[in-house]
Amino acid sequence: MQTVGLFVRGGELSIGNTTHPHKDEAKIILHGNESDGSFVFDDSIRIGTKFIVNINKVSMVGTTRKKYLTRLHKAAHKGSKEIFVEPSLDFVKGDRLGIAPTSFDEFAKD
């Protein structure tokens, strides 16, 4: 099924719960193009071409991760092929990593 929008109004959207967390990947893919025209709730609320609107209850519970946050143990420079972090992090295949800068110097070379 393809959709441009998901509107949870009178029911619920649940993916897993606290006693039975969802163990696999869950994806909600919204299809649409910028040129398709906006969805309109009323004359004053236009919400674009792809949307999730929740008026009732949306709940997504997955498997609890034990350790997923750390600091770099060595500097990571632009173009580096490796990063060094503490061992025993709870990463799994498919995870995407984000590295936040510790400098606000807009002219930094690395």
N, C-alpha and C. Protein backbone atom coordinates (compact mmCIF):
# COMPACT_ATOMS: atom_id res chain seq x y z
N MET A 1 0.84 -1.18 0.00
CA MET A 1 0.00 0.00 0.00
C MET A 1 0.88 1.24 0.00
N GLN A 2 0.52 2.21 -0.78
CA GLN A 2 1.25 3.48 -0.81
C GLN A 2 0.33 4.59 -0.36
N THR A 3 0.90 5.53 0.37
CA THR A 3 0.12 6.66 0.84
C THR A 3 0.96 7.91 0.86
N VAL A 4 0.31 9.05 0.82
CA VAL A 4 1.02 10.32 0.98
C VAL A 4 0.87 10.83 2.40
N GLY A 5 -0.11 10.29 3.13
CA GLY A 5 -0.32 10.78 4.48
C GLY A 5 -0.92 9.75 5.39
N LEU A 6 -0.68 9.93 6.67
CA LEU A 6 -1.21 9.05 7.69
C LEU A 6 -1.87 9.94 8.74
N PHE A 7 -3.15 9.72 8.98
CA PHE A 7 -3.92 10.55 9.90
C PHE A 7 -4.48 9.64 10.99
N VAL A 8 -3.95 9.74 12.21
CA VAL A 8 -4.43 8.94 13.35
C VAL A 8 -5.40 9.82 14.11
N ARG A 9 -6.67 9.52 13.96
CA ARG A 9 -7.69 10.37 14.55
C ARG A 9 -8.47 9.66 15.64
N GLY A 10 -9.26 8.65 15.31
CA GLY A 10 -10.09 7.98 16.30
C GLY A 10 -9.47 6.71 16.83
N GLY A 11 -8.49 6.17 16.13
CA GLY A 11 -7.87 4.92 16.55
C GLY A 11 -6.46 5.14 17.08
N GLU A 12 -5.64 4.13 16.93
CA GLU A 12 -4.26 4.19 17.41
C GLU A 12 -3.33 3.60 16.35
N LEU A 13 -2.10 4.06 16.35
CA LEU A 13 -1.04 3.44 15.58
C LEU A 13 -0.03 2.92 16.59
N SER A 14 0.14 1.60 16.62
CA SER A 14 1.07 0.99 17.58
C SER A 14 2.03 0.07 16.84
N ILE A 15 3.30 0.21 17.15
CA ILE A 15 4.32 -0.71 16.66
C ILE A 15 5.02 -1.21 17.91
N GLY A 16 4.73 -2.44 18.33
CA GLY A 16 5.28 -2.99 19.57
C GLY A 16 4.65 -2.36 20.80
N ASN A 17 4.96 -2.94 21.95
CA ASN A 17 4.53 -2.37 23.23
C ASN A 17 5.56 -2.76 24.29
N THR A 18 5.37 -2.32 25.52
CA THR A 18 6.40 -2.54 26.55
C THR A 18 6.59 -4.02 26.86
N THR A 19 5.57 -4.84 26.76
CA THR A 19 5.74 -6.28 27.03
C THR A 19 6.15 -7.06 25.78
N HIS A 20 5.88 -6.54 24.62
CA HIS A 20 6.26 -7.18 23.36
C HIS A 20 6.85 -6.14 22.40
N PRO A 21 8.10 -5.70 22.65
CA PRO A 21 8.70 -4.68 21.78
C PRO A 21 8.91 -5.22 20.37
N HIS A 22 8.80 -4.34 19.40
CA HIS A 22 9.04 -4.71 18.00
C HIS A 22 10.53 -4.98 17.83
N LYS A 23 10.89 -6.13 17.29
CA LYS A 23 12.30 -6.53 17.23
C LYS A 23 12.95 -6.26 15.87
N ASP A 24 12.16 -6.04 14.85
CA ASP A 24 12.71 -5.84 13.52
C ASP A 24 12.62 -4.37 13.12
N GLU A 25 12.97 -4.08 11.89
CA GLU A 25 12.89 -2.72 11.38
C GLU A 25 11.44 -2.39 11.05
N ALA A 26 11.01 -1.22 11.40
CA ALA A 26 9.68 -0.75 11.03
C ALA A 26 9.86 0.51 10.19
N LYS A 27 9.21 0.55 9.04
CA LYS A 27 9.32 1.70 8.15
C LYS A 27 7.94 2.21 7.81
N ILE A 28 7.79 3.49 7.86
CA ILE A 28 6.60 4.16 7.33
C ILE A 28 7.12 5.03 6.20
N ILE A 29 6.75 4.71 4.97
CA ILE A 29 7.23 5.43 3.81
C ILE A 29 6.08 6.23 3.22
N LEU A 30 6.26 7.51 3.14
CA LEU A 30 5.25 8.39 2.56
C LEU A 30 5.68 8.76 1.14
N HIS A 31 4.78 8.57 0.20
CA HIS A 31 5.07 8.86 -1.21
C HIS A 31 4.42 10.17 -1.62
N GLY A 32 5.05 10.89 -2.48
CA GLY A 32 4.50 12.14 -2.97
C GLY A 32 5.60 13.04 -3.48
N ASN A 33 5.21 14.02 -4.23
CA ASN A 33 6.16 14.97 -4.80
C ASN A 33 5.78 16.38 -4.38
N GLU A 34 6.77 17.22 -4.35
CA GLU A 34 6.56 18.62 -3.97
C GLU A 34 5.51 19.29 -4.86
N SER A 35 5.42 18.84 -6.10
CA SER A 35 4.50 19.46 -7.06
C SER A 35 3.09 18.88 -7.00
N ASP A 36 2.82 17.91 -6.12
CA ASP A 36 1.52 17.25 -6.07
C ASP A 36 0.40 18.11 -5.48
N GLY A 37 0.72 19.19 -4.86
CA GLY A 37 -0.31 20.01 -4.22
C GLY A 37 -0.46 19.63 -2.77
N SER A 38 -0.84 20.55 -1.95
CA SER A 38 -0.91 20.35 -0.51
C SER A 38 -2.21 19.71 -0.07
N PHE A 39 -2.14 18.93 1.00
CA PHE A 39 -3.34 18.44 1.66
C PHE A 39 -3.84 19.59 2.54
N VAL A 40 -5.14 19.79 2.59
CA VAL A 40 -5.70 20.92 3.31
C VAL A 40 -6.71 20.42 4.34
N PHE A 41 -6.51 20.78 5.62
CA PHE A 41 -7.49 20.45 6.66
C PHE A 41 -8.66 21.42 6.62
N ASP A 42 -8.33 22.68 6.52
CA ASP A 42 -9.34 23.72 6.32
C ASP A 42 -8.63 24.87 5.61
N ASP A 43 -9.29 25.95 5.41
CA ASP A 43 -8.69 27.04 4.63
C ASP A 43 -7.42 27.61 5.24
N SER A 44 -7.21 27.40 6.52
CA SER A 44 -6.04 28.00 7.16
C SER A 44 -4.92 27.00 7.45
N ILE A 45 -5.17 25.70 7.22
CA ILE A 45 -4.13 24.71 7.55
C ILE A 45 -3.81 23.86 6.33
N ARG A 46 -2.69 24.17 5.71
CA ARG A 46 -2.17 23.37 4.59
C ARG A 46 -0.94 22.65 5.12
N ILE A 47 -0.85 21.35 4.88
CA ILE A 47 0.25 20.60 5.50
C ILE A 47 1.20 19.94 4.53
N GLY A 48 1.17 20.29 3.29
CA GLY A 48 2.15 19.76 2.36
C GLY A 48 1.71 18.47 1.70
N THR A 49 2.68 17.76 1.11
CA THR A 49 2.38 16.58 0.30
C THR A 49 2.66 15.27 1.01
N LYS A 50 3.40 15.27 2.09
CA LYS A 50 3.66 14.06 2.87
C LYS A 50 3.49 14.42 4.33
N PHE A 51 2.72 13.61 5.07
CA PHE A 51 2.45 14.01 6.44
C PHE A 51 2.04 12.83 7.31
N ILE A 52 2.29 12.97 8.60
CA ILE A 52 1.74 12.11 9.64
C ILE A 52 1.07 13.07 10.62
N VAL A 53 -0.21 12.90 10.82
CA VAL A 53 -0.95 13.75 11.74
C VAL A 53 -1.49 12.87 12.84
N ASN A 54 -1.29 13.27 14.08
CA ASN A 54 -1.73 12.48 15.21
C ASN A 54 -2.63 13.33 16.11
N ILE A 55 -3.86 12.84 16.30
CA ILE A 55 -4.79 13.51 17.22
C ILE A 55 -5.08 12.60 18.40
N ASN A 56 -4.80 11.30 18.25
CA ASN A 56 -5.11 10.36 19.32
C ASN A 56 -3.84 9.75 19.91
N LYS A 57 -3.44 8.56 19.49
CA LYS A 57 -2.30 7.90 20.13
C LYS A 57 -1.42 7.21 19.10
N VAL A 58 -0.13 7.53 19.12
CA VAL A 58 0.88 6.84 18.32
C VAL A 58 1.93 6.33 19.29
N SER A 59 2.23 5.04 19.21
CA SER A 59 3.18 4.42 20.13
C SER A 59 4.10 3.49 19.35
N MET A 60 5.40 3.69 19.50
CA MET A 60 6.39 2.83 18.85
C MET A 60 7.41 2.40 19.88
N VAL A 61 7.44 1.10 20.17
CA VAL A 61 8.34 0.57 21.19
C VAL A 61 9.18 -0.53 20.57
N GLY A 62 10.48 -0.36 20.63
CA GLY A 62 11.40 -1.36 20.09
C GLY A 62 12.24 -1.94 21.20
N THR A 63 13.17 -2.78 20.80
CA THR A 63 14.07 -3.43 21.76
C THR A 63 14.95 -2.38 22.44
N THR A 64 15.08 -2.46 23.74
CA THR A 64 15.91 -1.52 24.49
C THR A 64 17.37 -1.74 24.17
N ARG A 65 18.08 -0.65 23.90
CA ARG A 65 19.51 -0.71 23.65
C ARG A 65 20.22 -0.42 24.96
N LYS A 66 21.30 -1.14 25.22
CA LYS A 66 22.00 -0.99 26.49
C LYS A 66 22.94 0.21 26.49
N LYS A 67 23.81 0.29 25.51
CA LYS A 67 24.80 1.38 25.48
C LYS A 67 24.98 1.81 24.03
N TYR A 68 24.55 3.03 23.74
CA TYR A 68 24.61 3.48 22.36
C TYR A 68 25.19 4.89 22.23
N LEU A 69 25.61 5.48 23.33
CA LEU A 69 26.17 6.82 23.30
C LEU A 69 27.59 6.78 23.83
N THR A 70 28.48 7.52 23.23
CA THR A 70 29.87 7.54 23.68
C THR A 70 30.54 8.81 23.19
N ARG A 71 31.76 8.97 23.57
CA ARG A 71 32.59 10.05 23.05
C ARG A 71 33.70 9.42 22.20
N LEU A 72 34.20 10.19 21.26
CA LEU A 72 35.33 9.70 20.47
C LEU A 72 36.55 9.57 21.36
N HIS A 73 37.34 8.52 21.16
CA HIS A 73 38.58 8.35 21.93
C HIS A 73 39.77 8.98 21.23
N LYS A 74 39.63 9.25 19.94
CA LYS A 74 40.64 9.97 19.16
C LYS A 74 39.90 10.93 18.24
N ALA A 75 40.58 11.96 17.82
CA ALA A 75 39.96 12.93 16.91
C ALA A 75 39.59 12.24 15.60
N ALA A 76 38.47 12.63 15.03
CA ALA A 76 38.04 12.15 13.72
C ALA A 76 38.15 13.31 12.74
N HIS A 77 39.00 13.17 11.77
CA HIS A 77 39.25 14.24 10.81
C HIS A 77 38.51 13.97 9.51
N LYS A 78 38.23 15.01 8.79
CA LYS A 78 37.56 14.89 7.50
C LYS A 78 38.29 13.88 6.62
N GLY A 79 37.54 12.95 6.05
CA GLY A 79 38.13 11.92 5.18
C GLY A 79 38.61 10.69 5.91
N SER A 80 38.55 10.68 7.25
CA SER A 80 38.98 9.51 8.01
C SER A 80 38.13 8.29 7.65
N LYS A 81 38.74 7.13 7.63
CA LYS A 81 38.03 5.89 7.34
C LYS A 81 37.66 5.13 8.62
N GLU A 82 38.19 5.58 9.77
CA GLU A 82 37.92 4.91 11.04
C GLU A 82 37.60 5.96 12.11
N ILE A 83 36.82 5.54 13.08
CA ILE A 83 36.65 6.33 14.30
C ILE A 83 36.94 5.40 15.47
N PHE A 84 37.38 5.97 16.57
CA PHE A 84 37.73 5.17 17.73
C PHE A 84 36.82 5.55 18.89
N VAL A 85 36.06 4.55 19.38
CA VAL A 85 35.12 4.74 20.48
C VAL A 85 35.34 3.63 21.49
N GLU A 86 34.69 3.74 22.64
CA GLU A 86 34.84 2.70 23.65
C GLU A 86 34.24 1.37 23.15
N PRO A 87 34.75 0.25 23.65
CA PRO A 87 34.20 -1.05 23.25
C PRO A 87 32.83 -1.31 23.89
N SER A 88 32.18 -2.36 23.43
CA SER A 88 30.92 -2.86 23.99
C SER A 88 29.73 -1.93 23.78
N LEU A 89 29.74 -1.17 22.70
CA LEU A 89 28.56 -0.37 22.38
C LEU A 89 27.53 -1.29 21.73
N ASP A 90 26.27 -0.97 21.92
CA ASP A 90 25.18 -1.83 21.45
C ASP A 90 24.75 -1.43 20.03
N PHE A 91 25.70 -1.47 19.09
CA PHE A 91 25.40 -1.17 17.70
C PHE A 91 24.97 -2.46 17.00
N VAL A 92 24.09 -2.32 16.03
CA VAL A 92 23.71 -3.47 15.21
C VAL A 92 23.83 -3.06 13.74
N LYS A 93 23.96 -4.05 12.88
CA LYS A 93 24.08 -3.81 11.45
C LYS A 93 22.92 -2.93 10.98
N GLY A 94 23.26 -1.92 10.22
CA GLY A 94 22.24 -1.01 9.71
C GLY A 94 22.12 0.28 10.51
N ASP A 95 22.70 0.34 11.71
CA ASP A 95 22.67 1.58 12.49
C ASP A 95 23.37 2.68 11.70
N ARG A 96 22.89 3.89 11.87
CA ARG A 96 23.52 5.06 11.28
C ARG A 96 24.13 5.87 12.41
N LEU A 97 25.37 6.29 12.24
CA LEU A 97 26.08 7.02 13.28
C LEU A 97 26.07 8.51 12.98
N GLY A 98 25.95 9.28 14.02
CA GLY A 98 26.06 10.73 13.91
C GLY A 98 27.17 11.21 14.81
N ILE A 99 28.02 12.05 14.28
CA ILE A 99 29.13 12.60 15.06
C ILE A 99 28.94 14.10 15.13
N ALA A 100 28.77 14.60 16.33
CA ALA A 100 28.55 16.03 16.54
C ALA A 100 29.88 16.73 16.76
N PRO A 101 30.05 17.92 16.21
CA PRO A 101 31.32 18.64 16.39
C PRO A 101 31.45 19.18 17.81
N THR A 102 32.71 19.34 18.22
CA THR A 102 32.96 19.96 19.52
C THR A 102 33.54 21.35 19.35
N SER A 103 33.60 21.81 18.11
CA SER A 103 34.11 23.15 17.83
C SER A 103 33.07 23.90 17.01
N PHE A 104 32.97 25.17 17.25
CA PHE A 104 32.06 26.00 16.48
C PHE A 104 32.85 26.93 15.55
N ASP A 105 34.12 26.60 15.35
CA ASP A 105 34.99 27.42 14.51
C ASP A 105 34.63 27.16 13.05
N GLU A 106 33.97 28.11 12.40
CA GLU A 106 33.55 27.91 11.01
C GLU A 106 34.72 27.83 10.05
N PHE A 107 35.92 28.23 10.50
CA PHE A 107 37.09 28.20 9.62
C PHE A 107 38.02 27.02 9.94
N ALA A 108 37.57 26.09 10.79
CA ALA A 108 38.40 24.94 11.14
C ALA A 108 38.73 24.15 9.87
N LYS A 109 39.95 23.63 9.80
CA LYS A 109 40.39 22.91 8.60
C LYS A 109 39.94 21.47 8.61
N ASP A 110 39.68 20.86 9.74
CA ASP A 110 39.27 19.44 9.82
C ASP A 110 37.88 19.33 10.34
